[in-house]
Amino acid sequence: MKRIYHPGGSIVTGSDLADAVMLYAEALSNRRETDVVDIPVIAADGVHGRAQFLIGSSSQLVSVTSADGESELTETATTQALHDKVRAGSVSAPVAWTGAALGSPQFDEFDY
């Protein structure tokens, strides 16, 4: 597991997911572009949810190993999609984003 710190606080997610976010943020920064990423996270109370945040040329992210969470959080499709965006060299607009599902933890529920 890894914790990604951002100017508004921090989130806990899987190691591969965090690494993919960091690589994508770096690629976007090099291109002077931004994008919104949507990844699975674990709240301080252990509830699984999703977080969406803006990354890119002005991102200030730090990723560190974390002991939070019971087991490694994985989502292969999301990890692969982020790696694909790094390799693609361009950002494509999402088909549709419907927001968080009902009952998903929101940012104010995370331990900052």
PDB file of N, CA and C in Angstrom:
ATOM      1  N   MET A   1       0.843  -1.172   0.000  1.00  0.00           N
ATOM      2  CA  MET A   1       0.000   0.000   0.000  1.00  0.00           C
ATOM      3  C   MET A   1       0.893   1.241   0.000  1.00  0.00           C
ATOM      4  N   LYS A   2       0.335   2.307  -0.568  1.00  0.00           N
ATOM      5  CA  LYS A   2       1.037   3.587  -0.557  1.00  0.00           C
ATOM      6  C   LYS A   2       0.051   4.698  -0.248  1.00  0.00           C
ATOM      7  N   ARG A   3       0.568   5.739   0.369  1.00  0.00           N
ATOM      8  CA  ARG A   3      -0.206   6.947   0.649  1.00  0.00           C
ATOM      9  C   ARG A   3       0.297   8.017  -0.294  1.00  0.00           C
ATOM     10  N   ILE A   4      -0.644   8.631  -1.020  1.00  0.00           N
ATOM     11  CA  ILE A   4      -0.313   9.740  -1.910  1.00  0.00           C
ATOM     12  C   ILE A   4      -0.716  11.030  -1.200  1.00  0.00           C
ATOM     13  N   TYR A   5       0.271  11.875  -0.949  1.00  0.00           N
ATOM     14  CA  TYR A   5       0.016  13.186  -0.350  1.00  0.00           C
ATOM     15  C   TYR A   5      -0.150  14.203  -1.462  1.00  0.00           C
ATOM     16  N   HIS A   6      -1.134  15.058  -1.308  1.00  0.00           N
ATOM     17  CA  HIS A   6      -1.413  16.137  -2.248  1.00  0.00           C
ATOM     18  C   HIS A   6      -1.713  17.381  -1.426  1.00  0.00           C
ATOM     19  N   PRO A   7      -1.792  18.550  -2.043  1.00  0.00           N
ATOM     20  CA  PRO A   7      -1.987  19.778  -1.259  1.00  0.00           C
ATOM     21  C   PRO A   7      -3.217  19.768  -0.350  1.00  0.00           C
ATOM     22  N   GLY A   8      -4.242  18.968  -0.668  1.00  0.00           N
ATOM     23  CA  GLY A   8      -5.448  18.938   0.154  1.00  0.00           C
ATOM     24  C   GLY A   8      -5.467  17.860   1.210  1.00  0.00           C
ATOM     25  N   GLY A   9      -4.438  17.035   1.300  1.00  0.00           N
ATOM     26  CA  GLY A   9      -4.415  15.956   2.276  1.00  0.00           C
ATOM     27  C   GLY A   9      -3.695  14.741   1.735  1.00  0.00           C
ATOM     28  N   SER A  10      -4.296  13.563   1.935  1.00  0.00           N
ATOM     29  CA  SER A  10      -3.663  12.345   1.445  1.00  0.00           C
ATOM     30  C   SER A  10      -4.705  11.252   1.254  1.00  0.00           C
ATOM     31  N   ILE A  11      -4.327  10.248   0.456  1.00  0.00           N
ATOM     32  CA  ILE A  11      -5.185   9.089   0.218  1.00  0.00           C
ATOM     33  C   ILE A  11      -4.313   7.838   0.280  1.00  0.00           C
ATOM     34  N   VAL A  12      -4.929   6.709   0.615  1.00  0.00           N
ATOM     35  CA  VAL A  12      -4.235   5.428   0.623  1.00  0.00           C
ATOM     36  C   VAL A  12      -4.787   4.586  -0.512  1.00  0.00           C
ATOM     37  N   THR A  13      -3.878   4.017  -1.301  1.00  0.00           N
ATOM     38  CA  THR A  13      -4.264   3.166  -2.417  1.00  0.00           C
ATOM     39  C   THR A  13      -3.212   2.076  -2.579  1.00  0.00           C
ATOM     40  N   GLY A  14      -3.391   1.221  -3.546  1.00  0.00           N
ATOM     41  CA  GLY A  14      -2.436   0.157  -3.801  1.00  0.00           C
ATOM     42  C   GLY A  14      -1.121   0.698  -4.336  1.00  0.00           C
ATOM     43  N   SER A  15      -0.054  -0.044  -4.108  1.00  0.00           N
ATOM     44  CA  SER A  15       1.280   0.381  -4.538  1.00  0.00           C
ATOM     45  C   SER A  15       1.365   0.561  -6.044  1.00  0.00           C
ATOM     46  N   ASP A  16       0.860  -0.409  -6.813  1.00  0.00           N
ATOM     47  CA  ASP A  16       0.903  -0.295  -8.272  1.00  0.00           C
ATOM     48  C   ASP A  16       0.076   0.880  -8.765  1.00  0.00           C
ATOM     49  N   LEU A  17      -1.076   1.105  -8.138  1.00  0.00           N
ATOM     50  CA  LEU A  17      -1.923   2.240  -8.517  1.00  0.00           C
ATOM     51  C   LEU A  17      -1.213   3.559  -8.232  1.00  0.00           C
ATOM     52  N   ALA A  18      -0.609   3.669  -7.049  1.00  0.00           N
ATOM     53  CA  ALA A  18       0.104   4.900  -6.689  1.00  0.00           C
ATOM     54  C   ALA A  18       1.263   5.152  -7.643  1.00  0.00           C
ATOM     55  N   ASP A  19       1.996   4.092  -7.965  1.00  0.00           N
ATOM     56  CA  ASP A  19       3.119   4.248  -8.893  1.00  0.00           C
ATOM     57  C   ASP A  19       2.630   4.706 -10.269  1.00  0.00           C
ATOM     58  N   ALA A  20       1.507   4.146 -10.718  1.00  0.00           N
ATOM     59  CA  ALA A  20       0.959   4.525 -12.024  1.00  0.00           C
ATOM     60  C   ALA A  20       0.500   5.983 -12.016  1.00  0.00           C
ATOM     61  N   VAL A  21      -0.111   6.429 -10.923  1.00  0.00           N
ATOM     62  CA  VAL A  21      -0.532   7.832 -10.815  1.00  0.00           C
ATOM     63  C   VAL A  21       0.686   8.743 -10.886  1.00  0.00           C
ATOM     64  N   MET A  22       1.744   8.388 -10.177  1.00  0.00           N
ATOM     65  CA  MET A  22       2.947   9.220 -10.176  1.00  0.00           C
ATOM     66  C   MET A  22       3.580   9.280 -11.564  1.00  0.00           C
ATOM     67  N   LEU A  23       3.655   8.156 -12.244  1.00  0.00           N
ATOM     68  CA  LEU A  23       4.210   8.144 -13.602  1.00  0.00           C
ATOM     69  C   LEU A  23       3.363   8.978 -14.558  1.00  0.00           C
ATOM     70  N   TYR A  24       2.048   8.866 -14.427  1.00  0.00           N
ATOM     71  CA  TYR A  24       1.156   9.627 -15.289  1.00  0.00           C
ATOM     72  C   TYR A  24       1.261  11.120 -14.985  1.00  0.00           C
ATOM     73  N   ALA A  25       1.353  11.474 -13.704  1.00  0.00           N
ATOM     74  CA  ALA A  25       1.508  12.890 -13.327  1.00  0.00           C
ATOM     75  C   ALA A  25       2.793  13.458 -13.922  1.00  0.00           C
ATOM     76  N   GLU A  26       3.857  12.662 -13.893  1.00  0.00           N
ATOM     77  CA  GLU A  26       5.114  13.109 -14.481  1.00  0.00           C
ATOM     78  C   GLU A  26       4.982  13.306 -15.994  1.00  0.00           C
ATOM     79  N   ALA A  27       4.337  12.349 -16.665  1.00  0.00           N
ATOM     80  CA  ALA A  27       4.147  12.457 -18.116  1.00  0.00           C
ATOM     81  C   ALA A  27       3.312  13.688 -18.462  1.00  0.00           C
ATOM     82  N   LEU A  28       2.252  13.923 -17.709  1.00  0.00           N
ATOM     83  CA  LEU A  28       1.415  15.097 -17.952  1.00  0.00           C
ATOM     84  C   LEU A  28       2.194  16.383 -17.721  1.00  0.00           C
ATOM     85  N   SER A  29       3.012  16.403 -16.687  1.00  0.00           N
ATOM     86  CA  SER A  29       3.817  17.581 -16.399  1.00  0.00           C
ATOM     87  C   SER A  29       4.771  17.878 -17.553  1.00  0.00           C
ATOM     88  N   ASN A  30       5.391  16.830 -18.080  1.00  0.00           N
ATOM     89  CA  ASN A  30       6.298  17.015 -19.212  1.00  0.00           C
ATOM     90  C   ASN A  30       5.569  17.537 -20.445  1.00  0.00           C
ATOM     91  N   ARG A  31       4.289  17.190 -20.580  1.00  0.00           N
ATOM     92  CA  ARG A  31       3.484  17.638 -21.730  1.00  0.00           C
ATOM     93  C   ARG A  31       2.773  18.968 -21.449  1.00  0.00           C
ATOM     94  N   ARG A  32       2.882  19.448 -20.216  1.00  0.00           N
ATOM     95  CA  ARG A  32       2.161  20.651 -19.773  1.00  0.00           C
ATOM     96  C   ARG A  32       0.660  20.489 -19.937  1.00  0.00           C
ATOM     97  N   GLU A  33       0.178  19.330 -19.503  1.00  0.00           N
ATOM     98  CA  GLU A  33      -1.245  18.994 -19.569  1.00  0.00           C
ATOM     99  C   GLU A  33      -1.727  18.574 -18.188  1.00  0.00           C
ATOM    100  N   THR A  34      -3.039  18.476 -18.045  1.00  0.00           N
ATOM    101  CA  THR A  34      -3.644  17.993 -16.812  1.00  0.00           C
ATOM    102  C   THR A  34      -4.716  16.967 -17.150  1.00  0.00           C
ATOM    103  N   ASP A  35      -5.097  16.201 -16.150  1.00  0.00           N
ATOM    104  CA  ASP A  35      -6.168  15.223 -16.309  1.00  0.00           C
ATOM    105  C   ASP A  35      -6.704  14.896 -14.924  1.00  0.00           C
ATOM    106  N   VAL A  36      -7.902  14.389 -14.876  1.00  0.00           N
ATOM    107  CA  VAL A  36      -8.497  13.907 -13.636  1.00  0.00           C
ATOM    108  C   VAL A  36      -8.362  12.391 -13.625  1.00  0.00           C
ATOM    109  N   VAL A  37      -7.803  11.861 -12.537  1.00  0.00           N
ATOM    110  CA  VAL A  37      -7.714  10.414 -12.391  1.00  0.00           C
ATOM    111  C   VAL A  37      -8.733   9.961 -11.357  1.00  0.00           C
ATOM    112  N   ASP A  38      -9.213   8.754 -11.532  1.00  0.00           N
ATOM    113  CA  ASP A  38     -10.201   8.146 -10.641  1.00  0.00           C
ATOM    114  C   ASP A  38      -9.621   6.801 -10.213  1.00  0.00           C
ATOM    115  N   ILE A  39      -9.293   6.675  -8.918  1.00  0.00           N
ATOM    116  CA  ILE A  39      -8.669   5.444  -8.445  1.00  0.00           C
ATOM    117  C   ILE A  39      -9.360   4.940  -7.180  1.00  0.00           C
ATOM    118  N   PRO A  40      -9.250   3.636  -6.923  1.00  0.00           N
ATOM    119  CA  PRO A  40      -9.800   3.100  -5.678  1.00  0.00           C
ATOM    120  C   PRO A  40      -8.903   3.497  -4.505  1.00  0.00           C
ATOM    121  N   VAL A  41      -9.517   3.751  -3.358  1.00  0.00           N
ATOM    122  CA  VAL A  41      -8.792   4.161  -2.158  1.00  0.00           C
ATOM    123  C   VAL A  41      -9.398   3.465  -0.943  1.00  0.00           C
ATOM    124  N   ILE A  42      -8.664   3.548   0.153  1.00  0.00           N
ATOM    125  CA  ILE A  42      -9.148   3.027   1.426  1.00  0.00           C
ATOM    126  C   ILE A  42      -9.182   4.179   2.418  1.00  0.00           C
ATOM    127  N   ALA A  43     -10.348   4.424   3.004  1.00  0.00           N
ATOM    128  CA  ALA A  43     -10.512   5.493   3.987  1.00  0.00           C
ATOM    129  C   ALA A  43      -9.879   5.081   5.317  1.00  0.00           C
ATOM    130  N   ALA A  44      -9.744   6.035   6.227  1.00  0.00           N
ATOM    131  CA  ALA A  44      -9.134   5.787   7.535  1.00  0.00           C
ATOM    132  C   ALA A  44      -9.882   4.701   8.309  1.00  0.00           C
ATOM    133  N   ASP A  45     -11.196   4.583   8.071  1.00  0.00           N
ATOM    134  CA  ASP A  45     -11.985   3.570   8.775  1.00  0.00           C
ATOM    135  C   ASP A  45     -11.994   2.219   8.049  1.00  0.00           C
ATOM    136  N   GLY A  46     -11.201   2.107   6.974  1.00  0.00           N
ATOM    137  CA  GLY A  46     -11.094   0.841   6.244  1.00  0.00           C
ATOM    138  C   GLY A  46     -12.103   0.660   5.128  1.00  0.00           C
ATOM    139  N   VAL A  47     -12.992   1.616   4.949  1.00  0.00           N
ATOM    140  CA  VAL A  47     -14.005   1.528   3.905  1.00  0.00           C
ATOM    141  C   VAL A  47     -13.363   1.784   2.549  1.00  0.00           C
ATOM    142  N   HIS A  48     -13.689   0.945   1.579  1.00  0.00           N
ATOM    143  CA  HIS A  48     -13.170   1.127   0.227  1.00  0.00           C
ATOM    144  C   HIS A  48     -14.045   2.125  -0.514  1.00  0.00           C
ATOM    145  N   GLY A  49     -13.426   3.010  -1.250  1.00  0.00           N
ATOM    146  CA  GLY A  49     -14.142   4.011  -2.024  1.00  0.00           C
ATOM    147  C   GLY A  49     -13.308   4.412  -3.224  1.00  0.00           C
ATOM    148  N   ARG A  50     -13.599   5.556  -3.773  1.00  0.00           N
ATOM    149  CA  ARG A  50     -12.869   6.061  -4.933  1.00  0.00           C
ATOM    150  C   ARG A  50     -12.521   7.514  -4.663  1.00  0.00           C
ATOM    151  N   ALA A  51     -11.427   7.936  -5.278  1.00  0.00           N
ATOM    152  CA  ALA A  51     -11.011   9.333  -5.197  1.00  0.00           C
ATOM    153  C   ALA A  51     -10.737   9.822  -6.603  1.00  0.00           C
ATOM    154  N   GLN A  52     -11.119  11.033  -6.859  1.00  0.00           N
ATOM    155  CA  GLN A  52     -10.848  11.675  -8.134  1.00  0.00           C
ATOM    156  C   GLN A  52     -10.060  12.937  -7.821  1.00  0.00           C
ATOM    157  N   PHE A  53      -8.955  13.104  -8.521  1.00  0.00           N
ATOM    158  CA  PHE A  53      -8.186  14.321  -8.315  1.00  0.00           C
ATOM    159  C   PHE A  53      -7.447  14.709  -9.579  1.00  0.00           C
ATOM    160  N   LEU A  54      -7.165  16.002  -9.645  1.00  0.00           N
ATOM    161  CA  LEU A  54      -6.513  16.602 -10.801  1.00  0.00           C
ATOM    162  C   LEU A  54      -5.006  16.445 -10.673  1.00  0.00           C
ATOM    163  N   ILE A  55      -4.383  15.929 -11.739  1.00  0.00           N
ATOM    164  CA  ILE A  55      -2.927  15.819 -11.760  1.00  0.00           C
ATOM    165  C   ILE A  55      -2.408  16.459 -13.037  1.00  0.00           C
ATOM    166  N   GLY A  56      -1.143  16.802 -13.027  1.00  0.00           N
ATOM    167  CA  GLY A  56      -0.553  17.377 -14.234  1.00  0.00           C
ATOM    168  C   GLY A  56       0.590  18.301 -13.926  1.00  0.00           C
ATOM    169  N   SER A  57       0.691  19.338 -14.746  1.00  0.00           N
ATOM    170  CA  SER A  57       1.865  20.208 -14.697  1.00  0.00           C
ATOM    171  C   SER A  57       2.037  20.940 -13.372  1.00  0.00           C
ATOM    172  N   SER A  58       0.975  21.154 -12.635  1.00  0.00           N
ATOM    173  CA  SER A  58       1.116  21.846 -11.355  1.00  0.00           C
ATOM    174  C   SER A  58       0.911  20.913 -10.169  1.00  0.00           C
ATOM    175  N   SER A  59       0.917  19.613 -10.414  1.00  0.00           N
ATOM    176  CA  SER A  59       0.721  18.643  -9.332  1.00  0.00           C
ATOM    177  C   SER A  59       1.877  18.680  -8.343  1.00  0.00           C
ATOM    178  N   GLN A  60       1.523  18.585  -7.100  1.00  0.00           N
ATOM    179  CA  GLN A  60       2.514  18.465  -6.038  1.00  0.00           C
ATOM    180  C   GLN A  60       2.158  17.200  -5.269  1.00  0.00           C
ATOM    181  N   LEU A  61       2.624  16.070  -5.767  1.00  0.00           N
ATOM    182  CA  LEU A  61       2.304  14.779  -5.176  1.00  0.00           C
ATOM    183  C   LEU A  61       3.543  14.141  -4.574  1.00  0.00           C
ATOM    184  N   VAL A  62       3.340  13.424  -3.487  1.00  0.00           N
ATOM    185  CA  VAL A  62       4.385  12.618  -2.861  1.00  0.00           C
ATOM    186  C   VAL A  62       3.757  11.278  -2.550  1.00  0.00           C
ATOM    187  N   SER A  63       4.436  10.201  -2.909  1.00  0.00           N
ATOM    188  CA  SER A  63       3.933   8.858  -2.656  1.00  0.00           C
ATOM    189  C   SER A  63       4.902   8.136  -1.729  1.00  0.00           C
ATOM    190  N   VAL A  64       4.385   7.604  -0.617  1.00  0.00           N
ATOM    191  CA  VAL A  64       5.220   6.887   0.339  1.00  0.00           C
ATOM    192  C   VAL A  64       4.569   5.566   0.718  1.00  0.00           C
ATOM    193  N   THR A  65       5.388   4.591   1.057  1.00  0.00           N
ATOM    194  CA  THR A  65       4.880   3.303   1.503  1.00  0.00           C
ATOM    195  C   THR A  65       4.076   3.505   2.777  1.00  0.00           C
ATOM    196  N   SER A  66       2.953   2.805   2.864  1.00  0.00           N
ATOM    197  CA  SER A  66       2.050   2.960   3.995  1.00  0.00           C
ATOM    198  C   SER A  66       1.668   1.602   4.552  1.00  0.00           C
ATOM    199  N   ALA A  67       1.524   1.533   5.860  1.00  0.00           N
ATOM    200  CA  ALA A  67       1.061   0.296   6.502  1.00  0.00           C
ATOM    201  C   ALA A  67      -0.457   0.283   6.620  1.00  0.00           C
ATOM    202  N   ASP A  68      -1.113   1.352   6.153  1.00  0.00           N
ATOM    203  CA  ASP A  68      -2.571   1.437   6.235  1.00  0.00           C
ATOM    204  C   ASP A  68      -3.224   0.370   5.363  1.00  0.00           C
ATOM    205  N   GLY A  69      -4.366  -0.097   5.785  1.00  0.00           N
ATOM    206  CA  GLY A  69      -5.112  -1.066   4.992  1.00  0.00           C
ATOM    207  C   GLY A  69      -4.759  -2.484   5.370  1.00  0.00           C
ATOM    208  N   GLU A  70      -5.691  -3.370   5.171  1.00  0.00           N
ATOM    209  CA  GLU A  70      -5.516  -4.768   5.552  1.00  0.00           C
ATOM    210  C   GLU A  70      -4.723  -5.549   4.507  1.00  0.00           C
ATOM    211  N   SER A  71      -4.998  -5.305   3.247  1.00  0.00           N
ATOM    212  CA  SER A  71      -4.308  -6.023   2.186  1.00  0.00           C
ATOM    213  C   SER A  71      -4.094  -5.071   1.011  1.00  0.00           C
ATOM    214  N   GLU A  72      -3.205  -5.469   0.124  1.00  0.00           N
ATOM    215  CA  GLU A  72      -2.880  -4.626  -1.031  1.00  0.00           C
ATOM    216  C   GLU A  72      -4.119  -4.380  -1.886  1.00  0.00           C
ATOM    217  N   LEU A  73      -4.372  -3.138  -2.199  1.00  0.00           N
ATOM    218  CA  LEU A  73      -5.509  -2.746  -3.038  1.00  0.00           C
ATOM    219  C   LEU A  73      -5.064  -2.776  -4.491  1.00  0.00           C
ATOM    220  N   THR A  74      -5.771  -3.531  -5.308  1.00  0.00           N
ATOM    221  CA  THR A  74      -5.421  -3.613  -6.721  1.00  0.00           C
ATOM    222  C   THR A  74      -6.658  -3.364  -7.577  1.00  0.00           C
ATOM    223  N   GLU A  75      -6.419  -2.810  -8.734  1.00  0.00           N
ATOM    224  CA  GLU A  75      -7.445  -2.647  -9.755  1.00  0.00           C
ATOM    225  C   GLU A  75      -6.686  -2.612 -11.079  1.00  0.00           C
ATOM    226  N   THR A  76      -6.486  -3.782 -11.629  1.00  0.00           N
ATOM    227  CA  THR A  76      -5.640  -3.959 -12.802  1.00  0.00           C
ATOM    228  C   THR A  76      -6.057  -3.073 -13.967  1.00  0.00           C
ATOM    229  N   ALA A  77      -7.339  -2.964 -14.228  1.00  0.00           N
ATOM    230  CA  ALA A  77      -7.810  -2.173 -15.369  1.00  0.00           C
ATOM    231  C   ALA A  77      -7.416  -0.701 -15.223  1.00  0.00           C
ATOM    232  N   THR A  78      -7.559  -0.153 -14.030  1.00  0.00           N
ATOM    233  CA  THR A  78      -7.207   1.246 -13.803  1.00  0.00           C
ATOM    234  C   THR A  78      -5.699   1.445 -13.908  1.00  0.00           C
ATOM    235  N   THR A  79      -4.940   0.546 -13.311  1.00  0.00           N
ATOM    236  CA  THR A  79      -3.481   0.628 -13.392  1.00  0.00           C
ATOM    237  C   THR A  79      -3.029   0.579 -14.848  1.00  0.00           C
ATOM    238  N   GLN A  80      -3.580  -0.352 -15.612  1.00  0.00           N
ATOM    239  CA  GLN A  80      -3.212  -0.493 -17.016  1.00  0.00           C
ATOM    240  C   GLN A  80      -3.612   0.741 -17.821  1.00  0.00           C
ATOM    241  N   ALA A  81      -4.793   1.287 -17.538  1.00  0.00           N
ATOM    242  CA  ALA A  81      -5.252   2.475 -18.262  1.00  0.00           C
ATOM    243  C   ALA A  81      -4.310   3.656 -18.019  1.00  0.00           C
ATOM    244  N   LEU A  82      -3.831   3.814 -16.792  1.00  0.00           N
ATOM    245  CA  LEU A  82      -2.895   4.899 -16.494  1.00  0.00           C
ATOM    246  C   LEU A  82      -1.572   4.686 -17.225  1.00  0.00           C
ATOM    247  N   HIS A  83      -1.081   3.452 -17.235  1.00  0.00           N
ATOM    248  CA  HIS A  83       0.156   3.161 -17.974  1.00  0.00           C
ATOM    249  C   HIS A  83      -0.033   3.407 -19.473  1.00  0.00           C
ATOM    250  N   ASP A  84      -1.194   3.051 -19.993  1.00  0.00           N
ATOM    251  CA  ASP A  84      -1.482   3.290 -21.410  1.00  0.00           C
ATOM    252  C   ASP A  84      -1.467   4.779 -21.732  1.00  0.00           C
ATOM    253  N   LYS A  85      -2.010   5.599 -20.829  1.00  0.00           N
ATOM    254  CA  LYS A  85      -2.022   7.045 -21.046  1.00  0.00           C
ATOM    255  C   LYS A  85      -0.617   7.626 -21.024  1.00  0.00           C
ATOM    256  N   VAL A  86       0.249   7.060 -20.197  1.00  0.00           N
ATOM    257  CA  VAL A  86       1.643   7.516 -20.170  1.00  0.00           C
ATOM    258  C   VAL A  86       2.290   7.239 -21.517  1.00  0.00           C
ATOM    259  N   ARG A  87       2.086   6.026 -22.030  1.00  0.00           N
ATOM    260  CA  ARG A  87       2.703   5.630 -23.304  1.00  0.00           C
ATOM    261  C   ARG A  87       2.064   6.325 -24.499  1.00  0.00           C
ATOM    262  N   ALA A  88       0.798   6.655 -24.411  1.00  0.00           N
ATOM    263  CA  ALA A  88       0.083   7.221 -25.552  1.00  0.00           C
ATOM    264  C   ALA A  88       0.600   8.604 -25.950  1.00  0.00           C
ATOM    265  N   GLY A  89       1.082   9.357 -24.998  1.00  0.00           N
ATOM    266  CA  GLY A  89       1.606  10.673 -25.322  1.00  0.00           C
ATOM    267  C   GLY A  89       0.545  11.738 -25.452  1.00  0.00           C
ATOM    268  N   SER A  90      -0.701  11.354 -25.269  1.00  0.00           N
ATOM    269  CA  SER A  90      -1.773  12.346 -25.303  1.00  0.00           C
ATOM    270  C   SER A  90      -2.877  11.912 -24.365  1.00  0.00           C
ATOM    271  N   VAL A  91      -3.630  12.899 -23.938  1.00  0.00           N
ATOM    272  CA  VAL A  91      -4.716  12.647 -23.006  1.00  0.00           C
ATOM    273  C   VAL A  91      -6.024  12.663 -23.773  1.00  0.00           C
ATOM    274  N   SER A  92      -6.768  11.596 -23.671  1.00  0.00           N
ATOM    275  CA  SER A  92      -8.087  11.576 -24.299  1.00  0.00           C
ATOM    276  C   SER A  92      -9.143  11.854 -23.246  1.00  0.00           C
ATOM    277  N   ALA A  93     -10.167  12.550 -23.639  1.00  0.00           N
ATOM    278  CA  ALA A  93     -11.245  12.870 -22.714  1.00  0.00           C
ATOM    279  C   ALA A  93     -11.997  11.607 -22.337  1.00  0.00           C
ATOM    280  N   PRO A  94     -12.419  11.484 -21.080  1.00  0.00           N
ATOM    281  CA  PRO A  94     -13.177  10.310 -20.685  1.00  0.00           C
ATOM    282  C   PRO A  94     -14.507  10.266 -21.431  1.00  0.00           C
ATOM    283  N   VAL A  95     -15.000   9.069 -21.655  1.00  0.00           N
ATOM    284  CA  VAL A  95     -16.289   8.919 -22.334  1.00  0.00           C
ATOM    285  C   VAL A  95     -17.380   9.535 -21.487  1.00  0.00           C
ATOM    286  N   ALA A  96     -17.399   9.202 -20.215  1.00  0.00           N
ATOM    287  CA  ALA A  96     -18.375   9.783 -19.302  1.00  0.00           C
ATOM    288  C   ALA A  96     -17.902   9.555 -17.884  1.00  0.00           C
ATOM    289  N   TRP A  97     -18.112  10.519 -17.027  1.00  0.00           N
ATOM    290  CA  TRP A  97     -17.805  10.348 -15.629  1.00  0.00           C
ATOM    291  C   TRP A  97     -19.059  10.678 -14.864  1.00  0.00           C
ATOM    292  N   THR A  98     -19.547   9.721 -14.111  1.00  0.00           N
ATOM    293  CA  THR A  98     -20.811   9.902 -13.420  1.00  0.00           C
ATOM    294  C   THR A  98     -20.631  10.276 -11.966  1.00  0.00           C
ATOM    295  N   GLY A  99     -19.405  10.377 -11.511  1.00  0.00           N
ATOM    296  CA  GLY A  99     -19.155  10.727 -10.119  1.00  0.00           C
ATOM    297  C   GLY A  99     -19.138   9.494  -9.245  1.00  0.00           C
ATOM    298  N   ALA A 100     -18.930   9.712  -7.973  1.00  0.00           N
ATOM    299  CA  ALA A 100     -18.827   8.605  -7.025  1.00  0.00           C
ATOM    300  C   ALA A 100     -20.183   7.948  -6.816  1.00  0.00           C
ATOM    301  N   ALA A 101     -20.143   6.658  -6.599  1.00  0.00           N
ATOM    302  CA  ALA A 101     -21.364   5.914  -6.301  1.00  0.00           C
ATOM    303  C   ALA A 101     -21.911   6.357  -4.952  1.00  0.00           C
ATOM    304  N   LEU A 102     -23.204   6.210  -4.765  1.00  0.00           N
ATOM    305  CA  LEU A 102     -23.807   6.554  -3.484  1.00  0.00           C
ATOM    306  C   LEU A 102     -23.169   5.728  -2.388  1.00  0.00           C
ATOM    307  N   GLY A 103     -22.890   6.368  -1.278  1.00  0.00           N
ATOM    308  CA  GLY A 103     -22.295   5.675  -0.155  1.00  0.00           C
ATOM    309  C   GLY A 103     -20.779   5.612  -0.195  1.00  0.00           C
ATOM    310  N   SER A 104     -20.159   6.112  -1.261  1.00  0.00           N
ATOM    311  CA  SER A 104     -18.704   6.122  -1.330  1.00  0.00           C
ATOM    312  C   SER A 104     -18.168   7.212  -0.422  1.00  0.00           C
ATOM    313  N   PRO A 105     -17.035   6.949   0.231  1.00  0.00           N
ATOM    314  CA  PRO A 105     -16.471   7.996   1.089  1.00  0.00           C
ATOM    315  C   PRO A 105     -16.034   9.194   0.270  1.00  0.00           C
ATOM    316  N   GLN A 106     -16.193  10.366   0.835  1.00  0.00           N
ATOM    317  CA  GLN A 106     -15.781  11.595   0.187  1.00  0.00           C
ATOM    318  C   GLN A 106     -14.476  12.064   0.813  1.00  0.00           C
ATOM    319  N   PHE A 107     -13.817  13.064   0.219  1.00  0.00           N
ATOM    320  CA  PHE A 107     -12.527  13.513   0.705  1.00  0.00           C
ATOM    321  C   PHE A 107     -12.565  13.916   2.175  1.00  0.00           C
ATOM    322  N   ASP A 108     -13.663  14.525   2.633  1.00  0.00           N
ATOM    323  CA  ASP A 108     -13.711  14.971   4.025  1.00  0.00           C
ATOM    324  C   ASP A 108     -13.777  13.802   5.001  1.00  0.00           C
ATOM    325  N   GLU A 109     -13.952  12.572   4.506  1.00  0.00           N
ATOM    326  CA  GLU A 109     -13.982  11.407   5.373  1.00  0.00           C
ATOM    327  C   GLU A 109     -12.610  10.761   5.525  1.00  0.00           C
ATOM    328  N   PHE A 110     -11.613  11.270   4.798  1.00  0.00           N
ATOM    329  CA  PHE A 110     -10.285  10.675   4.862  1.00  0.00           C
ATOM    330  C   PHE A 110      -9.457  11.370   5.930  1.00  0.00           C
ATOM    331  N   ASP A 111      -8.496  10.663   6.480  1.00  0.00           N
ATOM    332  CA  ASP A 111      -7.606  11.177   7.499  1.00  0.00           C
ATOM    333  C   ASP A 111      -6.506  11.990   6.843  1.00  0.00           C
ATOM    334  N   TYR A 112      -6.560  13.296   6.982  1.00  0.00           N
ATOM    335  CA  TYR A 112      -5.540  14.159   6.373  1.00  0.00           C
ATOM    336  C   TYR A 112      -4.478  14.424   7.414  1.00  0.00           C
TER     337      TYR A 112
END
